[in-house]
């Protein structure tokens, strides 16, 4: 029984290490870490360019939105250019207006500087995600509605305890492919801070967000 348990531990540990390595293989959206408090963070994001498409609220891309964006980066654009996959996948969900819910892939930095290729489909657009400060909570699991709602509630409570003000809207972000076990997944909820905080950590750093 001991040896079985030992094998299980090694398998899980090996998969965890592989998952971190696989995640690190993708370029990830940069941000400056302003404050960290357990699972909570305050980050300062620069402007990002996204390939974006409409998404049915709470669908997590199962409505075809993910595939539309994947086809765009696979060459379904006016120059047939392949664009590298990045992390995270941003999802802006608005329960009151499903038409405003959107999914976005971050355009790699070098491609954004040169100019992202124009989508061949009217269902995909290139748009700017305006930078700013965001309160963030990180959690694992499958990012179903129950887990997302619980994470958002915890984040809003934390924002309140810090005497900060957050926007009514929230974003979710996923960093892993669909086959990644829930325990090893990196999910996040982000809420834009409407008033910038002046809090700084001792050694602020720029992170590529892929850990």
N, C-alpha and C. Protein backbone atom coordinates (compact mmCIF):
# COMPACT_ATOMS: atom_id res chain seq x y z
N UNK A 1 0.83 -1.21 0.00
CA UNK A 1 0.00 0.00 0.00
C UNK A 1 0.87 1.26 0.00
N UNK A 2 1.98 1.18 0.75
CA UNK A 2 2.89 2.32 0.81
C UNK A 2 3.46 2.64 -0.56
N UNK A 3 3.83 1.55 -1.30
CA UNK A 3 4.44 1.76 -2.61
C UNK A 3 3.43 2.33 -3.61
N UNK A 4 2.17 1.90 -3.49
CA UNK A 4 1.12 2.44 -4.35
C UNK A 4 0.96 3.93 -4.10
N UNK A 5 0.92 4.29 -2.82
CA UNK A 5 0.79 5.71 -2.47
C UNK A 5 1.97 6.51 -2.98
N UNK A 6 3.17 5.90 -2.89
CA UNK A 6 4.38 6.58 -3.35
C UNK A 6 4.33 6.82 -4.85
N UNK A 7 3.85 5.83 -5.61
CA UNK A 7 3.72 5.97 -7.06
C UNK A 7 2.74 7.07 -7.41
N UNK A 8 1.61 7.10 -6.69
CA UNK A 8 0.60 8.14 -6.92
C UNK A 8 1.19 9.52 -6.70
N UNK A 9 1.95 9.66 -5.60
CA UNK A 9 2.58 10.95 -5.30
C UNK A 9 3.53 11.36 -6.41
N UNK A 10 4.34 10.42 -6.92
CA UNK A 10 5.28 10.73 -7.99
C UNK A 10 4.56 11.10 -9.28
N UNK A 11 3.48 10.38 -9.58
CA UNK A 11 2.72 10.67 -10.80
C UNK A 11 2.11 12.07 -10.73
N UNK A 12 1.46 12.38 -9.59
CA UNK A 12 0.85 13.70 -9.43
C UNK A 12 1.92 14.79 -9.46
N UNK A 13 3.03 14.56 -8.78
CA UNK A 13 4.11 15.54 -8.78
C UNK A 13 4.69 15.75 -10.16
N UNK A 14 4.84 14.64 -10.92
CA UNK A 14 5.36 14.74 -12.28
C UNK A 14 4.42 15.50 -13.19
N UNK A 15 3.13 15.24 -13.05
CA UNK A 15 2.15 15.94 -13.88
C UNK A 15 2.11 17.42 -13.53
N UNK A 16 2.22 17.72 -12.23
CA UNK A 16 2.22 19.12 -11.80
C UNK A 16 3.42 19.85 -12.39
N UNK A 17 4.60 19.21 -12.34
CA UNK A 17 5.80 19.84 -12.91
C UNK A 17 5.66 20.01 -14.41
N UNK A 18 5.09 19.00 -15.10
CA UNK A 18 4.88 19.10 -16.54
C UNK A 18 3.91 20.23 -16.87
N UNK A 19 2.87 20.37 -16.05
CA UNK A 19 1.87 21.40 -16.31
C UNK A 19 2.48 22.80 -16.18
N UNK A 20 3.32 23.00 -15.17
CA UNK A 20 3.98 24.28 -15.00
C UNK A 20 4.90 24.57 -16.18
N UNK A 21 5.61 23.54 -16.65
CA UNK A 21 6.52 23.71 -17.79
C UNK A 21 5.73 24.05 -19.05
N UNK A 22 4.61 23.33 -19.27
CA UNK A 22 3.79 23.57 -20.46
C UNK A 22 3.21 24.97 -20.43
N UNK A 23 2.75 25.42 -19.26
CA UNK A 23 2.17 26.75 -19.13
C UNK A 23 3.22 27.82 -19.41
N UNK A 24 4.46 27.56 -18.94
CA UNK A 24 5.54 28.53 -19.12
C UNK A 24 5.98 28.64 -20.57
N UNK A 25 5.58 27.68 -21.42
CA UNK A 25 5.97 27.71 -22.82
C UNK A 25 5.23 28.79 -23.60
N UNK A 26 4.15 29.31 -23.05
CA UNK A 26 3.36 30.35 -23.73
C UNK A 26 3.75 31.73 -23.22
N UNK A 27 3.77 32.68 -24.14
CA UNK A 27 3.92 34.07 -23.72
C UNK A 27 2.67 34.45 -22.93
N UNK A 28 2.86 35.19 -21.85
CA UNK A 28 1.73 35.56 -21.02
C UNK A 28 1.69 37.08 -20.82
N UNK A 29 0.50 37.58 -20.60
CA UNK A 29 0.32 39.02 -20.43
C UNK A 29 1.13 39.53 -19.25
N UNK A 30 1.92 40.56 -19.49
CA UNK A 30 2.74 41.13 -18.43
C UNK A 30 1.92 42.03 -17.51
N UNK A 31 2.37 42.14 -16.27
CA UNK A 31 1.77 43.07 -15.33
C UNK A 31 2.78 43.37 -14.24
N UNK A 32 2.58 44.48 -13.55
CA UNK A 32 3.41 44.82 -12.40
C UNK A 32 2.64 44.45 -11.15
N UNK A 33 3.28 43.69 -10.29
CA UNK A 33 2.65 43.27 -9.03
C UNK A 33 2.78 44.40 -8.02
N UNK A 34 1.64 44.91 -7.58
CA UNK A 34 1.61 46.03 -6.64
C UNK A 34 1.53 45.54 -5.19
N UNK A 35 0.69 44.53 -4.96
CA UNK A 35 0.53 43.98 -3.60
C UNK A 35 0.10 42.54 -3.71
N UNK A 36 0.56 41.72 -2.76
CA UNK A 36 0.14 40.33 -2.70
C UNK A 36 -0.28 39.99 -1.27
N UNK A 37 -1.36 39.20 -1.16
CA UNK A 37 -1.91 38.85 0.15
C UNK A 37 -2.57 37.48 0.02
N UNK A 38 -1.76 36.42 0.17
CA UNK A 38 -2.29 35.07 -0.01
C UNK A 38 -2.71 34.85 -1.45
N UNK A 39 -3.99 34.49 -1.65
CA UNK A 39 -4.51 34.26 -3.00
C UNK A 39 -4.91 35.57 -3.69
N UNK A 40 -4.77 36.68 -3.00
CA UNK A 40 -5.19 37.98 -3.56
C UNK A 40 -3.98 38.79 -4.02
N UNK A 41 -4.19 39.55 -5.08
CA UNK A 41 -3.14 40.44 -5.58
C UNK A 41 -3.75 41.72 -6.12
N UNK A 42 -2.94 42.77 -6.15
CA UNK A 42 -3.26 43.97 -6.92
C UNK A 42 -2.21 44.07 -8.01
N UNK A 43 -2.65 44.17 -9.25
CA UNK A 43 -1.74 44.22 -10.39
C UNK A 43 -2.00 45.47 -11.22
N UNK A 44 -0.94 45.92 -11.86
CA UNK A 44 -1.04 47.04 -12.79
C UNK A 44 -0.74 46.50 -14.19
N UNK A 45 -1.76 46.47 -15.02
CA UNK A 45 -1.61 45.96 -16.39
C UNK A 45 -1.40 47.11 -17.37
N UNK A 46 -0.55 46.91 -18.38
CA UNK A 46 -0.48 47.88 -19.48
C UNK A 46 -1.64 47.63 -20.44
N UNK A 47 -1.80 48.49 -21.44
CA UNK A 47 -2.77 48.22 -22.49
C UNK A 47 -2.38 46.92 -23.19
N UNK A 48 -3.36 46.09 -23.50
CA UNK A 48 -3.13 44.84 -24.23
C UNK A 48 -4.00 44.82 -25.48
N UNK A 49 -3.49 44.21 -26.54
CA UNK A 49 -4.29 44.01 -27.75
C UNK A 49 -4.86 42.59 -27.70
N UNK A 50 -6.17 42.49 -27.94
CA UNK A 50 -6.85 41.20 -27.89
C UNK A 50 -7.50 40.88 -29.23
N UNK A 51 -7.47 39.60 -29.58
CA UNK A 51 -8.38 39.08 -30.61
C UNK A 51 -9.62 38.68 -29.84
N UNK A 52 -10.76 39.25 -30.19
CA UNK A 52 -11.95 39.15 -29.34
C UNK A 52 -13.17 38.71 -30.14
N UNK A 53 -14.07 38.01 -29.46
CA UNK A 53 -15.31 37.58 -30.09
C UNK A 53 -16.43 37.52 -29.05
N UNK A 54 -17.67 37.62 -29.51
CA UNK A 54 -18.80 37.50 -28.59
C UNK A 54 -18.86 36.10 -27.99
N UNK A 55 -19.33 36.03 -26.77
CA UNK A 55 -19.43 34.76 -26.05
C UNK A 55 -20.73 34.74 -25.27
N UNK A 56 -21.43 33.62 -25.32
CA UNK A 56 -22.64 33.50 -24.52
C UNK A 56 -22.25 33.47 -23.05
N UNK A 57 -22.92 34.24 -22.23
CA UNK A 57 -22.58 34.37 -20.83
C UNK A 57 -22.50 33.01 -20.15
N UNK A 58 -21.42 32.80 -19.38
CA UNK A 58 -21.18 31.58 -18.59
C UNK A 58 -20.91 30.34 -19.45
N UNK A 59 -20.66 30.52 -20.75
CA UNK A 59 -20.42 29.36 -21.62
C UNK A 59 -19.00 28.84 -21.53
N UNK A 60 -18.06 29.68 -21.02
CA UNK A 60 -16.65 29.31 -20.94
C UNK A 60 -16.09 28.85 -22.28
N UNK A 61 -16.62 29.40 -23.37
CA UNK A 61 -16.10 29.09 -24.70
C UNK A 61 -16.73 27.90 -25.37
N UNK A 62 -17.66 27.21 -24.70
CA UNK A 62 -18.29 26.03 -25.29
C UNK A 62 -19.35 26.36 -26.33
N UNK A 63 -19.53 27.65 -26.60
CA UNK A 63 -20.51 28.08 -27.60
C UNK A 63 -19.86 28.36 -28.96
N UNK A 64 -18.59 27.98 -29.11
CA UNK A 64 -17.88 28.22 -30.36
C UNK A 64 -16.96 29.42 -30.33
N UNK A 65 -17.03 30.22 -29.27
CA UNK A 65 -16.20 31.43 -29.21
C UNK A 65 -14.71 31.08 -29.16
N UNK A 66 -14.34 30.07 -28.39
CA UNK A 66 -12.93 29.69 -28.32
C UNK A 66 -12.43 29.24 -29.69
N UNK A 67 -13.22 28.44 -30.39
CA UNK A 67 -12.80 27.93 -31.69
C UNK A 67 -12.66 29.06 -32.71
N UNK A 68 -13.52 30.07 -32.65
CA UNK A 68 -13.40 31.20 -33.58
C UNK A 68 -12.05 31.90 -33.39
N UNK A 69 -11.66 32.09 -32.14
CA UNK A 69 -10.38 32.74 -31.87
C UNK A 69 -9.21 31.83 -32.23
N UNK A 70 -9.36 30.54 -31.98
CA UNK A 70 -8.29 29.59 -32.32
C UNK A 70 -8.09 29.56 -33.84
N UNK A 71 -9.18 29.62 -34.60
CA UNK A 71 -9.05 29.64 -36.06
C UNK A 71 -8.35 30.90 -36.52
N UNK A 72 -8.62 32.03 -35.84
CA UNK A 72 -7.94 33.28 -36.19
C UNK A 72 -6.43 33.15 -36.03
N UNK A 73 -5.97 32.66 -34.86
CA UNK A 73 -4.52 32.56 -34.64
C UNK A 73 -3.92 31.43 -35.47
N UNK A 74 -4.74 30.51 -35.98
CA UNK A 74 -4.24 29.41 -36.82
C UNK A 74 -4.12 29.83 -38.29
N UNK A 75 -4.48 31.08 -38.60
CA UNK A 75 -4.29 31.57 -39.96
C UNK A 75 -5.54 32.04 -40.66
N UNK A 76 -6.69 32.00 -39.97
CA UNK A 76 -7.91 32.50 -40.59
C UNK A 76 -7.96 34.01 -40.42
N UNK A 77 -7.07 34.68 -41.17
CA UNK A 77 -7.00 36.13 -41.17
C UNK A 77 -6.56 36.57 -42.56
N UNK A 78 -6.55 37.84 -42.82
CA UNK A 78 -6.36 38.34 -44.18
C UNK A 78 -4.96 38.08 -44.74
N UNK A 79 -3.99 37.80 -43.87
CA UNK A 79 -2.63 37.50 -44.36
C UNK A 79 -2.25 36.04 -44.15
N UNK A 80 -3.20 35.20 -43.74
CA UNK A 80 -2.95 33.78 -43.46
C UNK A 80 -1.81 33.59 -42.47
N UNK A 81 -1.64 34.54 -41.58
CA UNK A 81 -0.54 34.51 -40.61
C UNK A 81 -0.92 33.70 -39.38
N UNK A 82 -0.03 32.81 -38.99
CA UNK A 82 -0.22 32.09 -37.73
C UNK A 82 0.27 32.97 -36.58
N UNK A 83 -0.52 33.04 -35.53
CA UNK A 83 -0.20 33.86 -34.37
C UNK A 83 -0.07 32.93 -33.16
N UNK A 84 1.00 33.08 -32.42
CA UNK A 84 1.25 32.18 -31.29
C UNK A 84 0.15 32.29 -30.23
N UNK A 85 -0.19 31.14 -29.64
CA UNK A 85 -1.12 31.12 -28.53
C UNK A 85 -0.47 31.77 -27.32
N UNK A 86 -1.25 32.45 -26.52
CA UNK A 86 -0.77 33.11 -25.31
C UNK A 86 -1.67 32.78 -24.13
N UNK A 87 -1.27 33.23 -22.97
CA UNK A 87 -2.14 33.13 -21.79
C UNK A 87 -2.20 34.51 -21.13
N UNK A 88 -3.28 34.77 -20.38
CA UNK A 88 -4.45 33.91 -20.22
C UNK A 88 -5.47 34.16 -21.32
N UNK A 89 -6.53 33.37 -21.31
CA UNK A 89 -7.72 33.67 -22.10
C UNK A 89 -8.63 34.50 -21.19
N UNK A 90 -8.91 35.73 -21.61
CA UNK A 90 -9.77 36.61 -20.82
C UNK A 90 -11.23 36.42 -21.21
N UNK A 91 -12.10 36.44 -20.22
CA UNK A 91 -13.54 36.35 -20.45
C UNK A 91 -14.24 37.44 -19.66
N UNK A 92 -14.93 38.30 -20.37
CA UNK A 92 -15.71 39.36 -19.74
C UNK A 92 -17.17 38.98 -19.83
N UNK A 93 -17.78 38.69 -18.71
CA UNK A 93 -19.15 38.20 -18.71
C UNK A 93 -20.10 39.22 -18.10
N UNK A 94 -21.22 39.42 -18.77
CA UNK A 94 -22.26 40.33 -18.29
C UNK A 94 -23.57 39.58 -18.29
N UNK A 95 -24.00 39.15 -17.11
CA UNK A 95 -25.21 38.34 -17.03
C UNK A 95 -26.45 39.08 -17.52
N UNK A 96 -26.46 40.40 -17.37
CA UNK A 96 -27.65 41.17 -17.74
C UNK A 96 -27.75 41.38 -19.24
N UNK A 97 -26.65 41.19 -19.97
CA UNK A 97 -26.66 41.39 -21.42
C UNK A 97 -25.66 40.43 -22.04
N UNK A 98 -26.14 39.23 -22.42
CA UNK A 98 -25.26 38.19 -22.95
C UNK A 98 -24.51 38.65 -24.19
N UNK A 99 -25.09 39.59 -24.94
CA UNK A 99 -24.45 40.07 -26.16
C UNK A 99 -23.16 40.81 -25.86
N UNK A 100 -23.00 41.30 -24.63
CA UNK A 100 -21.80 42.05 -24.28
C UNK A 100 -20.72 41.16 -23.68
N UNK A 101 -21.01 39.89 -23.45
CA UNK A 101 -20.01 38.97 -22.94
C UNK A 101 -19.03 38.64 -24.06
N UNK A 102 -17.71 38.68 -23.72
CA UNK A 102 -16.71 38.50 -24.76
C UNK A 102 -15.56 37.64 -24.24
N UNK A 103 -14.93 36.94 -25.19
CA UNK A 103 -13.72 36.18 -24.92
C UNK A 103 -12.59 36.80 -25.71
N UNK A 104 -11.38 36.83 -25.13
CA UNK A 104 -10.26 37.44 -25.83
C UNK A 104 -8.97 36.68 -25.66
N UNK A 105 -8.21 36.51 -26.76
CA UNK A 105 -6.85 35.99 -26.73
C UNK A 105 -5.90 37.20 -26.76
N UNK A 106 -4.90 37.19 -25.93
CA UNK A 106 -3.91 38.26 -25.93
C UNK A 106 -3.00 38.12 -27.16
N UNK A 107 -2.86 39.19 -27.94
CA UNK A 107 -1.97 39.19 -29.08
C UNK A 107 -0.53 39.28 -28.57
N UNK A 108 0.38 38.40 -29.05
CA UNK A 108 1.77 38.48 -28.59
C UNK A 108 2.34 39.88 -28.78
N UNK A 109 3.23 40.26 -27.88
CA UNK A 109 3.74 41.63 -27.85
C UNK A 109 4.36 42.05 -29.20
N UNK A 110 5.21 41.21 -29.80
CA UNK A 110 5.87 41.57 -31.05
C UNK A 110 4.85 41.72 -32.18
N UNK A 111 3.85 40.85 -32.20
CA UNK A 111 2.82 40.94 -33.24
C UNK A 111 2.01 42.21 -33.06
N UNK A 112 1.69 42.56 -31.83
CA UNK A 112 0.92 43.77 -31.55
C UNK A 112 1.68 45.01 -32.01
N UNK A 113 3.00 45.02 -31.80
CA UNK A 113 3.82 46.16 -32.20
C UNK A 113 3.81 46.31 -33.73
N UNK A 114 3.94 45.20 -34.44
CA UNK A 114 3.95 45.24 -35.91
C UNK A 114 2.57 45.51 -36.48
N UNK A 115 1.55 45.10 -35.74
CA UNK A 115 0.18 45.22 -36.22
C UNK A 115 -0.42 43.85 -36.43
N UNK A 116 -1.44 43.51 -35.64
CA UNK A 116 -2.07 42.20 -35.75
C UNK A 116 -2.79 42.06 -37.08
N UNK A 117 -2.74 40.88 -37.71
CA UNK A 117 -3.46 40.70 -38.97
C UNK A 117 -4.97 40.86 -38.79
N UNK A 118 -5.60 41.41 -39.79
CA UNK A 118 -7.04 41.64 -39.72
C UNK A 118 -7.79 40.31 -39.82
N UNK A 119 -8.75 40.09 -38.95
CA UNK A 119 -9.51 38.83 -39.01
C UNK A 119 -10.25 38.68 -40.34
N UNK A 120 -10.35 37.43 -40.80
CA UNK A 120 -11.08 37.15 -42.03
C UNK A 120 -12.58 37.05 -41.77
N UNK A 121 -12.96 36.87 -40.51
CA UNK A 121 -14.36 36.73 -40.13
C UNK A 121 -14.85 37.96 -39.40
N UNK A 122 -16.08 38.35 -39.65
CA UNK A 122 -16.68 39.49 -38.94
C UNK A 122 -16.96 39.16 -37.48
N UNK A 123 -16.89 37.87 -37.12
CA UNK A 123 -17.15 37.45 -35.74
C UNK A 123 -15.97 37.70 -34.81
N UNK A 124 -14.82 38.06 -35.38
CA UNK A 124 -13.62 38.30 -34.59
C UNK A 124 -13.15 39.73 -34.86
N UNK A 125 -12.72 40.42 -33.82
CA UNK A 125 -12.19 41.76 -33.98
C UNK A 125 -10.93 41.93 -33.13
N UNK A 126 -10.09 42.87 -33.54
CA UNK A 126 -8.91 43.22 -32.75
C UNK A 126 -9.26 44.47 -31.96
N UNK A 127 -9.10 44.40 -30.65
CA UNK A 127 -9.47 45.56 -29.83
C UNK A 127 -8.45 45.74 -28.70
N UNK A 128 -8.47 46.91 -28.12
CA UNK A 128 -7.56 47.21 -27.02
C UNK A 128 -8.23 46.94 -25.68
N UNK A 129 -7.54 46.21 -24.83
CA UNK A 129 -7.96 46.07 -23.44
C UNK A 129 -7.20 47.15 -22.66
N UNK A 130 -7.93 48.14 -22.20
CA UNK A 130 -7.31 49.28 -21.55
C UNK A 130 -6.64 48.85 -20.25
N UNK A 131 -5.41 49.28 -20.06
CA UNK A 131 -4.67 48.92 -18.87
C UNK A 131 -5.23 49.60 -17.62
N UNK A 132 -4.67 49.24 -16.49
CA UNK A 132 -5.10 49.81 -15.22
C UNK A 132 -4.79 48.87 -14.08
N UNK A 133 -5.23 49.23 -12.90
CA UNK A 133 -5.01 48.38 -11.73
C UNK A 133 -6.21 47.47 -11.50
N UNK A 134 -5.90 46.23 -11.17
CA UNK A 134 -6.93 45.21 -10.96
C UNK A 134 -6.67 44.47 -9.66
N UNK A 135 -7.73 44.21 -8.92
CA UNK A 135 -7.67 43.28 -7.81
C UNK A 135 -7.92 41.90 -8.38
N UNK A 136 -7.16 40.91 -7.91
CA UNK A 136 -7.19 39.57 -8.52
C UNK A 136 -7.24 38.51 -7.42
N UNK A 137 -8.01 37.46 -7.67
CA UNK A 137 -7.97 36.27 -6.82
C UNK A 137 -7.66 35.07 -7.71
N UNK A 138 -6.79 34.21 -7.24
CA UNK A 138 -6.41 33.01 -7.99
C UNK A 138 -7.03 31.79 -7.32
N UNK A 139 -7.51 30.84 -8.14
CA UNK A 139 -8.11 29.62 -7.59
C UNK A 139 -8.01 28.50 -8.61
N UNK A 140 -8.16 27.28 -8.16
CA UNK A 140 -8.12 26.11 -9.04
C UNK A 140 -9.54 25.62 -9.29
N UNK A 141 -9.66 24.52 -10.05
CA UNK A 141 -10.98 23.97 -10.34
C UNK A 141 -11.38 24.20 -11.78
N UNK A 142 -12.64 23.92 -12.09
CA UNK A 142 -13.13 23.97 -13.46
C UNK A 142 -13.77 25.30 -13.83
N UNK A 143 -13.78 26.25 -12.99
CA UNK A 143 -14.33 27.57 -13.24
C UNK A 143 -15.80 27.51 -13.66
N UNK A 144 -16.57 26.65 -12.96
CA UNK A 144 -18.01 26.65 -13.22
C UNK A 144 -18.64 27.85 -12.51
N UNK A 145 -19.92 28.09 -12.75
CA UNK A 145 -20.56 29.30 -12.25
C UNK A 145 -20.48 29.41 -10.73
N UNK A 146 -20.67 28.30 -10.03
CA UNK A 146 -20.65 28.31 -8.57
C UNK A 146 -19.27 28.76 -8.06
N UNK A 147 -18.21 28.18 -8.62
CA UNK A 147 -16.86 28.53 -8.17
C UNK A 147 -16.51 29.98 -8.53
N UNK A 148 -16.95 30.41 -9.72
CA UNK A 148 -16.68 31.79 -10.14
C UNK A 148 -17.40 32.77 -9.22
N UNK A 149 -18.66 32.49 -8.94
CA UNK A 149 -19.43 33.38 -8.05
C UNK A 149 -18.81 33.46 -6.66
N UNK A 150 -18.36 32.31 -6.14
CA UNK A 150 -17.75 32.29 -4.81
C UNK A 150 -16.43 33.08 -4.80
N UNK A 151 -15.64 32.90 -5.86
CA UNK A 151 -14.36 33.61 -5.95
C UNK A 151 -14.59 35.11 -6.08
N UNK A 152 -15.57 35.50 -6.88
CA UNK A 152 -15.87 36.93 -7.03
C UNK A 152 -16.32 37.53 -5.70
N UNK A 153 -17.16 36.80 -4.96
CA UNK A 153 -17.63 37.31 -3.67
C UNK A 153 -16.47 37.50 -2.70
N UNK A 154 -15.54 36.54 -2.67
CA UNK A 154 -14.37 36.66 -1.79
C UNK A 154 -13.51 37.86 -2.19
N UNK A 155 -13.34 38.04 -3.51
CA UNK A 155 -12.52 39.15 -3.98
C UNK A 155 -13.15 40.49 -3.64
N UNK A 156 -14.46 40.61 -3.82
CA UNK A 156 -15.13 41.88 -3.50
C UNK A 156 -15.06 42.17 -1.99
N UNK A 157 -15.15 41.13 -1.19
CA UNK A 157 -15.03 41.33 0.26
C UNK A 157 -13.62 41.81 0.61
N UNK A 158 -12.61 41.22 -0.05
CA UNK A 158 -11.22 41.63 0.19
C UNK A 158 -11.01 43.08 -0.24
N UNK A 159 -11.57 43.45 -1.39
CA UNK A 159 -11.46 44.84 -1.87
C UNK A 159 -12.04 45.79 -0.82
N UNK A 160 -13.17 45.40 -0.25
CA UNK A 160 -13.82 46.23 0.77
C UNK A 160 -12.95 46.37 2.01
N UNK A 161 -12.31 45.27 2.42
CA UNK A 161 -11.46 45.33 3.62
C UNK A 161 -10.23 46.21 3.38
N UNK A 162 -9.83 46.37 2.10
CA UNK A 162 -8.68 47.21 1.79
C UNK A 162 -9.09 48.66 1.54
N UNK A 163 -10.38 48.96 1.73
CA UNK A 163 -10.92 50.30 1.50
C UNK A 163 -10.67 50.78 0.07
N UNK A 164 -10.81 49.84 -0.88
CA UNK A 164 -10.66 50.15 -2.29
C UNK A 164 -12.03 50.13 -2.94
N UNK A 165 -12.11 50.62 -4.16
CA UNK A 165 -13.36 50.63 -4.90
C UNK A 165 -13.18 49.88 -6.21
N UNK A 166 -14.04 48.88 -6.44
CA UNK A 166 -13.94 48.09 -7.65
C UNK A 166 -15.12 48.34 -8.58
N UNK A 167 -14.90 48.10 -9.87
CA UNK A 167 -15.95 48.24 -10.87
C UNK A 167 -17.03 47.18 -10.65
N UNK A 168 -18.20 47.41 -11.19
CA UNK A 168 -19.29 46.44 -11.07
C UNK A 168 -18.99 45.19 -11.90
N UNK A 169 -18.30 45.37 -13.04
CA UNK A 169 -18.01 44.25 -13.92
C UNK A 169 -16.78 43.50 -13.43
N UNK A 170 -16.69 42.25 -13.82
CA UNK A 170 -15.51 41.45 -13.51
C UNK A 170 -15.09 40.69 -14.76
N UNK A 171 -13.84 40.25 -14.74
CA UNK A 171 -13.31 39.39 -15.80
C UNK A 171 -12.84 38.08 -15.18
N UNK A 172 -12.90 37.01 -15.94
CA UNK A 172 -12.25 35.78 -15.52
C UNK A 172 -11.12 35.50 -16.49
N UNK A 173 -10.14 34.72 -16.04
CA UNK A 173 -8.99 34.41 -16.87
C UNK A 173 -8.57 32.98 -16.63
N UNK A 174 -8.32 32.25 -17.71
CA UNK A 174 -7.89 30.86 -17.62
C UNK A 174 -6.53 30.69 -18.27
N UNK A 175 -5.68 29.87 -17.66
CA UNK A 175 -4.30 29.71 -18.13
C UNK A 175 -3.99 28.33 -18.68
N UNK A 176 -4.92 27.39 -18.63
CA UNK A 176 -4.59 26.00 -18.94
C UNK A 176 -5.47 25.42 -20.04
N UNK A 177 -4.93 24.40 -20.76
CA UNK A 177 -5.75 23.72 -21.77
C UNK A 177 -6.85 22.90 -21.11
N UNK A 178 -7.89 22.55 -21.88
CA UNK A 178 -9.07 21.88 -21.30
C UNK A 178 -8.79 20.57 -20.59
N UNK A 179 -7.73 19.85 -21.00
CA UNK A 179 -7.48 18.53 -20.41
C UNK A 179 -6.76 18.60 -19.06
N UNK A 180 -6.37 19.79 -18.61
CA UNK A 180 -5.68 19.92 -17.33
C UNK A 180 -6.63 19.61 -16.18
N UNK A 181 -6.26 18.70 -15.27
CA UNK A 181 -7.13 18.38 -14.12
C UNK A 181 -7.46 19.64 -13.32
N UNK A 182 -8.67 19.68 -12.77
CA UNK A 182 -9.12 20.86 -12.05
C UNK A 182 -8.19 21.30 -10.94
N UNK A 183 -7.60 20.33 -10.20
CA UNK A 183 -6.73 20.65 -9.07
C UNK A 183 -5.50 21.44 -9.52
N UNK A 184 -5.07 21.24 -10.77
CA UNK A 184 -3.84 21.86 -11.26
C UNK A 184 -4.10 23.10 -12.11
N UNK A 185 -5.35 23.46 -12.28
CA UNK A 185 -5.67 24.59 -13.14
C UNK A 185 -5.43 25.92 -12.43
N UNK A 186 -5.03 26.91 -13.21
CA UNK A 186 -4.90 28.27 -12.69
C UNK A 186 -6.01 29.12 -13.28
N UNK A 187 -6.92 29.52 -12.42
CA UNK A 187 -8.02 30.41 -12.81
C UNK A 187 -7.93 31.69 -12.00
N UNK A 188 -8.45 32.76 -12.57
CA UNK A 188 -8.43 34.04 -11.86
C UNK A 188 -9.70 34.83 -12.12
N UNK A 189 -10.08 35.62 -11.13
CA UNK A 189 -11.12 36.64 -11.29
C UNK A 189 -10.42 37.99 -11.12
N UNK A 190 -10.71 38.92 -12.04
CA UNK A 190 -10.11 40.24 -11.99
C UNK A 190 -11.20 41.30 -11.92
N UNK A 191 -11.03 42.26 -11.04
CA UNK A 191 -11.95 43.39 -10.93
C UNK A 191 -11.14 44.67 -11.04
N UNK A 192 -11.50 45.51 -12.00
CA UNK A 192 -10.78 46.76 -12.20
C UNK A 192 -11.02 47.69 -11.01
N UNK A 193 -9.95 48.29 -10.50
CA UNK A 193 -10.07 49.26 -9.41
C UNK A 193 -10.34 50.63 -10.02
N UNK A 194 -11.39 51.27 -9.55
CA UNK A 194 -11.78 52.55 -10.13
C UNK A 194 -10.94 53.70 -9.59
N UNK A 195 -10.28 53.48 -8.46
CA UNK A 195 -9.32 54.45 -7.91
C UNK A 195 -8.00 53.74 -7.75
N UNK A 196 -6.95 54.27 -8.33
CA UNK A 196 -5.64 53.62 -8.26
C UNK A 196 -5.11 53.67 -6.84
N UNK A 197 -4.51 52.55 -6.40
CA UNK A 197 -3.93 52.49 -5.07
C UNK A 197 -2.48 52.95 -5.12
N UNK A 198 -2.03 53.55 -4.04
CA UNK A 198 -0.64 53.99 -3.96
C UNK A 198 0.21 53.00 -3.17
N UNK A 199 -0.42 51.89 -2.76
CA UNK A 199 0.32 50.87 -2.02
C UNK A 199 1.36 50.24 -2.94
N UNK A 200 2.56 50.01 -2.45
CA UNK A 200 3.58 49.32 -3.23
C UNK A 200 4.27 48.31 -2.34
N UNK A 201 4.67 47.19 -2.92
CA UNK A 201 5.42 46.20 -2.17
C UNK A 201 6.88 46.63 -2.15
N UNK A 202 7.67 45.97 -1.30
CA UNK A 202 9.05 46.39 -1.12
C UNK A 202 9.85 46.32 -2.42
N UNK A 203 9.62 45.26 -3.21
CA UNK A 203 10.34 45.08 -4.46
C UNK A 203 9.34 44.79 -5.58
N UNK A 204 8.65 45.80 -6.08
CA UNK A 204 7.69 45.57 -7.14
C UNK A 204 8.35 44.90 -8.34
N UNK A 205 7.63 44.00 -8.98
CA UNK A 205 8.22 43.25 -10.08
C UNK A 205 7.26 43.20 -11.24
N UNK A 206 7.84 43.01 -12.43
CA UNK A 206 7.02 42.77 -13.61
C UNK A 206 6.96 41.27 -13.82
N UNK A 207 5.76 40.74 -13.88
CA UNK A 207 5.58 39.31 -14.04
C UNK A 207 4.97 39.02 -15.39
N UNK A 208 5.36 37.86 -15.97
CA UNK A 208 4.75 37.44 -17.22
C UNK A 208 3.51 36.61 -16.93
N UNK A 209 3.19 36.39 -15.68
CA UNK A 209 1.93 35.78 -15.31
C UNK A 209 1.78 34.32 -15.59
N UNK A 210 2.84 33.60 -15.96
CA UNK A 210 2.70 32.21 -16.34
C UNK A 210 3.00 31.21 -15.27
N UNK A 211 3.27 31.66 -14.05
CA UNK A 211 3.64 30.69 -13.01
C UNK A 211 2.44 29.87 -12.59
